[in-house]
Amino acid sequence: MNTEHDWITTPVTADLLRGHLDVERTAHGLLPHRLPAGARRQIPDDQLAMAEAQPSGVRLVFRTRATTVELETLPTKRAYRGFPAPADGVYDLLVDGRLAGQATVTGGNVRTVDMATQSADLLEGPPGTARFTDLPARDKDVEIWLPHTEITELIALRTDAPVAPAPDSGRRVWLHHGSSISHGSNAAHPTAIWPALAAARGGVELVNLGFGGSALLDPFTARAIRDTPADLISLKIGINVVNTDAMRLRAFTPAVHGFLDTIREGHPTTPLLVVSSILCPVQEDTPGPLAPDFADGTLRFKATGDPAERAAGRLTLNVIRHELARIVEQRAADDPNLHHLDGRELYGEADYAELPLPDEVHPDPAAHRRIADNFARLAFGTGGPFAP
C-alpha cells in the first residue's frame, strides 16, 4: 500500500453492497453470495456452489470525495487443467455511473478444474489490492463492480477521504436469472456482461442471478427469487437444461410451471419475462449432454445426443422454445403481467453469421453488447414489458 496518503479504512459491510442476496463472514473478510444460506445448503454440486459465490453484478456503492481508493481482497480464481492460466479478473470503478478506472488483483487462490472429471484442486495464495487513483476531488457516487468470474472475499476499503453509503437511487430493481451467458462468460469485464449493459440502458438496479451451468429450474432458486424484492423479473430458461440433459419434456413442463408458481407467491403482479435461449446451432435440434471438444486444439463444445430421440421427449433448444411459448401463452390468460421473448430475437442467425460463438456456446464481448442492445430495446423500450 502506498503511504503518501492519510488513509481512512472503512469496514466492508453489507450496506455498502448491491446485487447480492447474502453475505458470509470468513476468516479473511466478507464474502458476497448470490443465493441465500438456505438455498446454499441444498446445492447439489460444486458447479453451482462456485457460480453463486462468483459476484457477477455485485458491486460496492458509496459516496466520497476520495481521489484514491484501494480495495483489498482475496480472490479465488478458476483455471482449467491443461489450459493456460486465466487473466486476472477486472474490477470496474464507476464515478456517477461512468467507467472511470479498472484494476486487477494478482495472487489469491487458484481452483483448478479437470474438465473431464470435474474434480478440482485448490492452491491457496495471498490477498492483493485493487488501486484506483486520480478520481475527481468532489462529492460523487462510486461503484466498484467485482470480477464476475472470481470468488472475492472483501478485506478492507481504504480511501483518502471519508466514505458513506450511497443513498437509494430510486431506480427500479431488475432481477434476472439465467445461465453462464447471463453470468458473463467471455465478457471482457464486469460492467460489460450483457445484463449489466442492459441494466445501464434501462436505468435500473441489477440483481444478477446468472449461474454458469446452473439455470436448471432448481426449486431453491425459485424460492430465492420469490423472497427477493424486485420491480422487474426475467428468467432465461433452456440452454442448461439441454446441455446437461437434465430432464425430459414430461418433467420439464411441470418444472417450469412450478418455478413460475413459486415466484408468483412472492411477486403476484410483478412484470415477469420468460426468455428462451439465444441461437446455439450445436443444440438447436440435437439433445445433450454437451461435451468439450479439443479436436482443433482449442476448446469448443459439441452436443452428444441423438436427434432421433426428440420424439421420446429428449429436449433440444427448439423443443424448449416451443414449450415455453405455449406455457406462457396458457398462463398469461390469467396473468397479464407474464410475458415471453424468443431468445433468437436477442441473438439469432444473422447475429451468429456476424458474431459467431467462439466455443459454439458462449458469446464474445461484441455479442454481449448485441444481446444487451436487443434486450434493452425489446424489454425496456416503448411497448416492452419493462417499459417505464
Protein backbone atom coordinates (compact mmCIF):
# COMPACT_ATOMS: atom_id res chain seq x y z
CA MET A 1 0.00 0.00 0.00
CA ASN A 2 1.24 3.48 -0.88
CA THR A 3 1.87 5.56 2.28
CA GLU A 4 1.60 9.00 0.72
CA HIS A 5 -2.00 9.41 1.92
CA ASP A 6 -3.59 9.65 5.34
CA TRP A 7 -5.65 6.53 4.79
CA ILE A 8 -9.14 6.01 6.16
CA THR A 9 -10.13 2.36 6.48
CA THR A 10 -13.85 1.70 6.21
CA PRO A 11 -15.19 -1.70 7.26
CA VAL A 12 -16.73 -3.53 4.31
CA THR A 13 -20.28 -4.25 5.42
CA ALA A 14 -23.42 -5.41 3.67
CA ASP A 15 -24.82 -1.85 3.50
CA LEU A 16 -22.03 -0.96 1.05
CA LEU A 17 -23.03 -3.78 -1.31
CA ARG A 18 -25.64 -4.10 -4.04
CA GLY A 19 -26.54 -7.00 -6.28
CA HIS A 20 -26.05 -9.69 -3.60
CA LEU A 21 -28.59 -11.79 -1.71
CA ASP A 22 -26.44 -12.72 1.29
CA VAL A 23 -23.02 -12.24 2.87
CA GLU A 24 -20.78 -14.61 4.79
CA ARG A 25 -18.12 -13.70 7.32
CA THR A 26 -14.93 -15.62 6.56
CA ALA A 27 -11.52 -15.77 8.22
CA HIS A 28 -10.41 -13.05 5.78
CA GLY A 29 -13.39 -10.71 5.45
CA LEU A 30 -16.82 -10.51 3.84
CA LEU A 31 -17.85 -12.91 1.08
CA PRO A 32 -20.88 -11.86 -1.01
CA HIS A 33 -23.26 -14.60 -2.14
CA ARG A 34 -25.91 -14.57 -4.85
CA LEU A 35 -28.02 -17.24 -3.16
CA PRO A 36 -29.19 -17.16 0.48
CA ALA A 37 -27.83 -19.58 3.08
CA GLY A 38 -30.90 -21.82 2.97
CA ALA A 39 -30.53 -22.31 -0.76
CA ARG A 40 -26.78 -22.89 -0.48
CA ARG A 41 -27.40 -25.77 1.91
CA GLN A 42 -29.38 -27.50 -0.85
CA ILE A 43 -26.85 -27.02 -3.67
CA PRO A 44 -26.07 -30.47 -5.09
CA ASP A 45 -22.75 -29.82 -6.85
CA ASP A 46 -19.55 -27.78 -6.89
CA GLN A 47 -20.56 -26.11 -10.16
CA LEU A 48 -23.38 -24.07 -8.65
CA ALA A 49 -21.57 -23.59 -5.34
CA MET A 50 -18.75 -21.90 -7.24
CA ALA A 51 -21.01 -19.97 -9.61
CA GLU A 52 -23.24 -18.38 -6.98
CA ALA A 53 -20.20 -17.22 -5.00
CA GLN A 54 -18.71 -15.54 -8.05
CA PRO A 55 -20.02 -11.96 -7.67
CA SER A 56 -21.41 -11.30 -11.15
CA GLY A 57 -23.25 -7.99 -10.88
CA VAL A 58 -22.22 -7.43 -7.25
CA ARG A 59 -20.71 -4.04 -6.52
CA LEU A 60 -19.65 -1.79 -3.65
CA VAL A 61 -21.51 1.52 -3.79
CA PHE A 62 -20.58 4.53 -1.67
CA ARG A 63 -20.33 8.31 -1.65
CA THR A 64 -16.99 10.04 -1.11
CA ARG A 65 -14.67 12.88 -2.09
CA ALA A 66 -11.73 10.49 -2.24
CA THR A 67 -9.29 10.77 -5.12
CA THR A 68 -7.61 7.43 -4.36
CA VAL A 69 -9.39 4.20 -3.46
CA GLU A 70 -7.94 0.83 -2.55
CA LEU A 71 -9.90 -2.39 -2.15
CA GLU A 72 -8.04 -5.28 -0.55
CA THR A 73 -9.46 -8.68 -1.45
CA LEU A 74 -8.70 -12.36 -1.52
CA PRO A 75 -9.77 -13.70 -4.93
CA THR A 76 -10.32 -17.34 -5.77
CA LYS A 77 -9.59 -17.75 -9.46
CA ARG A 78 -10.74 -20.59 -11.69
CA ALA A 79 -8.36 -22.39 -14.02
CA TYR A 80 -8.70 -25.49 -16.18
CA ARG A 81 -6.15 -28.29 -16.15
CA GLY A 82 -4.18 -28.34 -19.38
CA PHE A 83 -5.00 -24.74 -20.32
CA PRO A 84 -3.05 -21.52 -19.77
CA ALA A 85 -3.75 -19.66 -16.54
CA PRO A 86 -6.64 -17.23 -16.95
CA ALA A 87 -6.12 -13.49 -16.92
CA ASP A 88 -6.73 -11.79 -13.59
CA GLY A 89 -10.31 -10.66 -13.10
CA VAL A 90 -11.10 -6.99 -13.66
CA TYR A 91 -12.51 -4.58 -11.09
CA ASP A 92 -14.51 -1.75 -12.71
CA LEU A 93 -14.77 1.57 -10.88
CA LEU A 94 -17.61 3.88 -11.90
CA VAL A 95 -17.97 7.54 -10.93
CA ASP A 96 -21.55 8.78 -11.10
CA GLY A 97 -22.41 5.88 -13.37
CA ARG A 98 -19.47 6.21 -15.80
CA LEU A 99 -16.48 3.90 -16.04
CA ALA A 100 -13.55 5.80 -14.55
CA GLY A 101 -10.95 3.13 -13.79
CA GLN A 102 -10.06 -0.54 -13.91
CA ALA A 103 -7.72 -2.65 -11.80
CA THR A 104 -6.79 -6.27 -11.12
CA VAL A 105 -5.63 -8.19 -8.07
CA THR A 106 -2.70 -10.55 -8.52
CA GLY A 107 -2.18 -13.59 -6.34
CA GLY A 108 -5.04 -15.14 -4.47
CA ASN A 109 -6.28 -18.70 -4.50
CA VAL A 110 -6.44 -20.76 -7.69
CA ARG A 111 -9.03 -23.51 -8.12
CA THR A 112 -8.01 -25.80 -10.99
CA VAL A 113 -10.79 -27.86 -12.56
CA ASP A 114 -10.33 -31.02 -14.60
CA MET A 115 -12.97 -30.68 -17.32
CA ALA A 116 -13.01 -34.43 -17.96
CA THR A 117 -13.76 -35.46 -14.38
CA GLN A 118 -14.99 -32.15 -12.88
CA SER A 119 -12.62 -32.73 -9.95
CA ALA A 120 -10.83 -29.66 -8.61
CA ASP A 121 -7.72 -28.76 -6.62
CA LEU A 122 -7.28 -25.56 -4.60
CA LEU A 123 -3.90 -23.80 -4.35
CA GLU A 124 -4.00 -21.11 -1.67
CA GLY A 125 -2.39 -17.71 -2.22
CA PRO A 126 -2.14 -14.25 -0.64
CA PRO A 127 -4.60 -11.33 -0.75
CA GLY A 128 -3.98 -8.38 -3.04
CA THR A 129 -5.19 -4.84 -3.66
CA ALA A 130 -7.10 -3.15 -6.47
CA ARG A 131 -5.98 0.50 -6.59
CA PHE A 132 -7.69 3.44 -8.30
CA THR A 133 -6.14 6.92 -8.49
CA ASP A 134 -6.81 10.39 -9.91
CA LEU A 135 -10.53 10.34 -9.17
CA PRO A 136 -12.29 13.76 -9.24
CA ALA A 137 -11.92 15.68 -5.96
CA ARG A 138 -15.65 16.26 -5.39
CA ASP A 139 -18.60 14.52 -3.81
CA LYS A 140 -19.51 11.61 -6.05
CA ASP A 141 -21.12 8.20 -6.13
CA VAL A 142 -18.53 5.47 -6.58
CA GLU A 143 -19.26 1.89 -7.61
CA ILE A 144 -16.69 -0.91 -7.68
CA TRP A 145 -18.00 -3.86 -9.69
CA LEU A 146 -16.31 -7.07 -8.60
CA PRO A 147 -14.84 -9.56 -11.11
CA HIS A 148 -17.73 -11.61 -12.43
CA THR A 149 -15.84 -14.92 -12.54
CA GLU A 150 -13.67 -14.69 -9.39
CA ILE A 151 -14.94 -15.53 -5.91
CA THR A 152 -13.99 -12.38 -4.00
CA GLU A 153 -13.55 -12.04 -0.24
CA LEU A 154 -13.60 -8.34 0.71
CA ILE A 155 -11.00 -7.49 3.32
CA ALA A 156 -10.59 -3.70 3.52
CA LEU A 157 -11.67 -0.49 1.78
CA ARG A 158 -9.11 2.31 2.08
CA THR A 159 -9.62 5.88 0.87
CA ASP A 160 -8.06 9.32 1.31
CA ALA A 161 -11.42 10.84 2.33
CA PRO A 162 -14.39 9.58 4.36
CA VAL A 163 -16.86 7.12 2.87
CA ALA A 164 -20.62 6.88 3.41
CA PRO A 165 -23.20 4.51 1.95
CA ALA A 166 -24.73 5.95 -1.21
CA PRO A 167 -28.38 7.00 -0.94
CA ASP A 168 -31.03 4.85 -2.57
CA SER A 169 -31.03 5.60 -6.28
CA GLY A 170 -34.81 5.35 -6.53
CA ARG A 171 -34.41 3.23 -9.66
CA ARG A 172 -36.41 0.08 -10.23
CA VAL A 173 -34.75 -3.21 -9.30
CA TRP A 174 -34.42 -5.76 -12.11
CA LEU A 175 -33.75 -9.33 -11.01
CA HIS A 176 -32.51 -11.56 -13.83
CA HIS A 177 -31.88 -15.31 -13.70
CA GLY A 178 -30.06 -17.25 -16.38
CA SER A 179 -27.10 -19.41 -17.39
CA SER A 180 -23.39 -18.81 -17.99
CA ILE A 181 -24.21 -16.28 -20.72
CA SER A 182 -26.12 -14.18 -18.18
CA HIS A 183 -23.32 -14.86 -15.67
CA GLY A 184 -20.95 -13.22 -18.15
CA SER A 185 -18.90 -15.95 -19.82
CA ASN A 186 -16.38 -14.41 -22.27
CA ALA A 187 -17.32 -10.84 -21.32
CA ALA A 188 -14.28 -8.58 -21.02
CA HIS A 189 -15.06 -7.03 -17.63
CA PRO A 190 -17.91 -6.96 -15.08
CA THR A 191 -19.87 -3.99 -16.43
CA ALA A 192 -19.64 -5.49 -19.93
CA ILE A 193 -21.71 -8.60 -19.20
CA TRP A 194 -24.93 -8.28 -21.14
CA PRO A 195 -27.25 -7.91 -18.09
CA ALA A 196 -25.10 -5.04 -16.74
CA LEU A 197 -25.12 -3.31 -20.12
CA ALA A 198 -28.88 -3.75 -20.46
CA ALA A 199 -29.46 -2.50 -16.91
CA ALA A 200 -27.49 0.66 -17.66
CA ARG A 201 -29.55 1.20 -20.81
CA GLY A 202 -32.78 0.60 -18.90
CA GLY A 203 -31.87 2.81 -15.94
CA VAL A 204 -32.44 0.03 -13.40
CA GLU A 205 -30.57 -1.57 -10.50
CA LEU A 206 -29.39 -5.07 -11.41
CA VAL A 207 -29.57 -8.22 -9.30
CA ASN A 208 -27.93 -10.85 -11.48
CA LEU A 209 -28.73 -14.47 -10.71
CA GLY A 210 -26.99 -15.79 -13.81
CA PHE A 211 -25.28 -19.00 -12.71
CA GLY A 212 -22.83 -20.67 -15.09
CA GLY A 213 -24.07 -24.17 -15.95
CA SER A 214 -26.80 -24.00 -13.33
CA ALA A 215 -30.04 -22.48 -14.66
CA LEU A 216 -31.83 -25.78 -14.08
CA LEU A 217 -35.21 -24.75 -12.61
CA ASP A 218 -33.99 -25.59 -9.11
CA PRO A 219 -36.77 -25.01 -6.53
CA PHE A 220 -34.36 -23.27 -4.12
CA THR A 221 -33.53 -20.73 -6.84
CA ALA A 222 -37.23 -20.07 -7.38
CA ARG A 223 -37.68 -19.52 -3.64
CA ALA A 224 -34.72 -17.12 -3.59
CA ILE A 225 -36.33 -15.10 -6.40
CA ARG A 226 -39.68 -15.23 -4.63
CA ASP A 227 -38.19 -13.78 -1.44
CA THR A 228 -36.04 -11.05 -3.06
CA PRO A 229 -37.54 -7.56 -3.52
CA ALA A 230 -37.75 -6.74 -7.22
CA ASP A 231 -39.76 -4.50 -9.52
CA LEU A 232 -38.97 -6.49 -12.68
CA ILE A 233 -38.04 -10.15 -13.13
CA SER A 234 -36.71 -12.05 -16.13
CA LEU A 235 -35.90 -15.75 -16.47
CA LYS A 236 -33.70 -17.09 -19.25
CA ILE A 237 -34.52 -20.78 -19.50
CA GLY A 238 -33.32 -23.56 -21.73
CA ILE A 239 -29.65 -23.94 -22.53
CA ASN A 240 -28.53 -25.60 -19.28
CA VAL A 241 -31.50 -27.95 -19.22
CA VAL A 242 -30.48 -29.16 -22.68
CA ASN A 243 -26.72 -29.24 -22.32
CA THR A 244 -26.83 -31.16 -19.03
CA ASP A 245 -29.54 -33.49 -20.39
CA ALA A 246 -31.18 -32.90 -17.02
CA MET A 247 -34.76 -33.88 -17.81
CA ARG A 248 -37.24 -34.90 -20.45
CA LEU A 249 -40.24 -32.95 -21.72
CA ARG A 250 -42.55 -34.73 -19.26
CA ALA A 251 -40.53 -33.34 -16.33
CA PHE A 252 -39.65 -30.00 -17.92
CA THR A 253 -43.20 -28.70 -18.34
CA PRO A 254 -44.32 -29.10 -14.70
CA ALA A 255 -40.90 -27.86 -13.54
CA VAL A 256 -41.44 -24.59 -15.42
CA HIS A 257 -44.95 -24.26 -14.01
CA GLY A 258 -43.65 -24.94 -10.50
CA PHE A 259 -40.84 -22.41 -10.89
CA LEU A 260 -43.31 -19.74 -12.02
CA ASP A 261 -45.83 -20.66 -9.31
CA THR A 262 -43.20 -20.24 -6.61
CA ILE A 263 -42.07 -16.85 -7.92
CA ARG A 264 -45.67 -15.66 -8.14
CA GLU A 265 -46.14 -16.46 -4.43
CA GLY A 266 -43.89 -13.51 -3.64
CA HIS A 267 -44.38 -11.40 -6.77
CA PRO A 268 -48.01 -11.89 -7.82
CA THR A 269 -48.18 -8.91 -10.21
CA THR A 270 -44.53 -8.06 -10.92
CA PRO A 271 -43.74 -7.89 -14.65
CA LEU A 272 -42.21 -11.31 -15.34
CA LEU A 273 -40.47 -12.03 -18.65
CA VAL A 274 -39.67 -15.60 -19.71
CA VAL A 275 -36.84 -15.66 -22.26
CA SER A 276 -35.81 -18.73 -24.23
CA SER A 277 -32.24 -19.47 -25.32
CA ILE A 278 -30.31 -17.42 -27.84
CA LEU A 279 -29.36 -19.24 -31.02
CA CYS A 280 -26.88 -22.05 -30.34
CA PRO A 281 -26.55 -24.14 -33.51
CA VAL A 282 -24.97 -27.19 -31.86
CA GLN A 283 -28.06 -27.66 -29.68
CA GLU A 284 -30.91 -26.30 -31.78
CA ASP A 285 -32.07 -29.79 -32.76
CA THR A 286 -29.54 -32.08 -31.07
CA PRO A 287 -30.08 -33.14 -27.45
CA GLY A 288 -27.36 -33.03 -24.82
CA PRO A 289 -25.35 -33.73 -22.88
CA LEU A 290 -22.79 -31.20 -24.04
CA ALA A 291 -19.15 -32.30 -24.13
CA PRO A 292 -15.86 -30.41 -24.59
CA ASP A 293 -14.20 -30.89 -27.97
CA PHE A 294 -10.45 -30.23 -28.32
CA ALA A 295 -10.17 -31.54 -31.88
CA ASP A 296 -8.54 -28.40 -33.31
CA GLY A 297 -6.50 -27.59 -30.21
CA THR A 298 -8.99 -25.07 -28.81
CA LEU A 299 -11.95 -25.58 -26.53
CA ARG A 300 -15.25 -25.96 -28.30
CA PHE A 301 -18.40 -27.76 -27.26
CA LYS A 302 -20.48 -30.33 -29.08
CA ALA A 303 -23.84 -31.94 -28.35
CA THR A 304 -23.67 -35.71 -27.99
CA GLY A 305 -27.34 -36.73 -28.01
CA ASP A 306 -29.33 -38.38 -30.77
CA PRO A 307 -31.79 -36.07 -32.61
CA ALA A 308 -34.00 -39.08 -33.31
CA GLU A 309 -34.83 -39.25 -29.59
CA ARG A 310 -36.76 -35.96 -29.63
CA ALA A 311 -39.89 -38.00 -30.29
CA ALA A 312 -39.32 -39.76 -26.96
CA GLY A 313 -39.09 -36.47 -25.06
CA ARG A 314 -35.39 -35.64 -25.28
CA LEU A 315 -35.01 -31.87 -25.12
CA THR A 316 -33.43 -29.52 -27.64
CA LEU A 317 -33.49 -25.74 -27.76
CA ASN A 318 -36.24 -25.73 -30.36
CA VAL A 319 -38.36 -28.12 -28.30
CA ILE A 320 -37.91 -25.90 -25.23
CA ARG A 321 -38.63 -22.68 -27.11
CA HIS A 322 -41.92 -24.10 -28.38
CA GLU A 323 -42.90 -25.34 -24.91
CA LEU A 324 -42.01 -22.08 -23.14
CA ALA A 325 -44.08 -20.08 -25.63
CA ARG A 326 -47.01 -22.45 -25.08
CA ILE A 327 -46.73 -22.32 -21.28
CA VAL A 328 -46.57 -18.53 -21.18
CA GLU A 329 -49.49 -18.15 -23.59
CA GLN A 330 -51.56 -20.51 -21.45
CA ARG A 331 -50.73 -18.82 -18.15
CA ALA A 332 -50.96 -15.26 -19.49
CA ALA A 333 -54.72 -15.69 -19.87
CA ASP A 334 -54.87 -15.34 -16.07
CA ASP A 335 -51.59 -13.47 -15.57
CA PRO A 336 -51.43 -10.33 -17.74
CA ASN A 337 -48.02 -9.40 -16.30
CA LEU A 338 -46.40 -12.58 -17.65
CA HIS A 339 -44.56 -12.17 -20.94
CA HIS A 340 -42.47 -14.24 -23.37
CA LEU A 341 -39.45 -13.39 -25.52
CA ASP A 342 -37.87 -15.73 -28.04
CA GLY A 343 -34.13 -15.62 -27.31
CA ARG A 344 -33.31 -15.60 -31.02
CA GLU A 345 -34.55 -12.01 -31.07
CA LEU A 346 -31.58 -11.22 -28.83
CA TYR A 347 -29.09 -13.25 -30.88
CA GLY A 348 -30.22 -15.12 -33.96
CA GLU A 349 -28.97 -16.41 -37.28
CA ALA A 350 -27.84 -13.04 -38.63
CA ASP A 351 -26.01 -12.30 -35.38
CA TYR A 352 -24.32 -15.71 -35.45
CA ALA A 353 -23.13 -15.07 -39.01
CA GLU A 354 -21.64 -11.73 -37.97
CA LEU A 355 -20.53 -12.55 -34.41
CA PRO A 356 -20.08 -16.35 -34.17
CA LEU A 357 -19.86 -18.06 -30.79
CA PRO A 358 -16.12 -18.74 -30.25
CA ASP A 359 -16.68 -22.05 -28.47
CA GLU A 360 -20.08 -22.73 -30.11
CA VAL A 361 -21.94 -21.87 -26.89
CA HIS A 362 -20.80 -18.57 -25.33
CA PRO A 363 -20.85 -15.10 -26.94
CA ASP A 364 -17.77 -12.92 -27.26
CA PRO A 365 -17.66 -9.34 -25.88
CA ALA A 366 -19.19 -7.87 -29.05
CA ALA A 367 -22.04 -10.36 -28.91
CA HIS A 368 -22.66 -9.50 -25.24
CA ARG A 369 -23.19 -5.90 -26.42
CA ARG A 370 -25.51 -7.07 -29.19
CA ILE A 371 -27.62 -9.12 -26.76
CA ALA A 372 -27.78 -6.18 -24.34
CA ASP A 373 -28.81 -3.73 -27.05
CA ASN A 374 -31.58 -6.02 -28.24
CA PHE A 375 -32.81 -6.79 -24.73
CA ALA A 376 -32.86 -3.10 -23.80
CA ARG A 377 -34.86 -2.29 -26.92
CA LEU A 378 -37.33 -5.18 -26.60
CA ALA A 379 -37.79 -5.20 -22.81
CA PHE A 380 -37.17 -1.63 -21.62
CA GLY A 381 -38.15 0.18 -24.83
CA THR A 382 -41.54 1.60 -25.74
CA GLY A 383 -44.15 -1.10 -25.58
CA GLY A 384 -41.82 -3.56 -23.86
CA PRO A 385 -42.84 -5.43 -20.70
CA PHE A 386 -40.33 -3.44 -18.62
CA ALA A 387 -41.04 -0.01 -20.15
CA PRO A 388 -41.22 2.74 -17.52
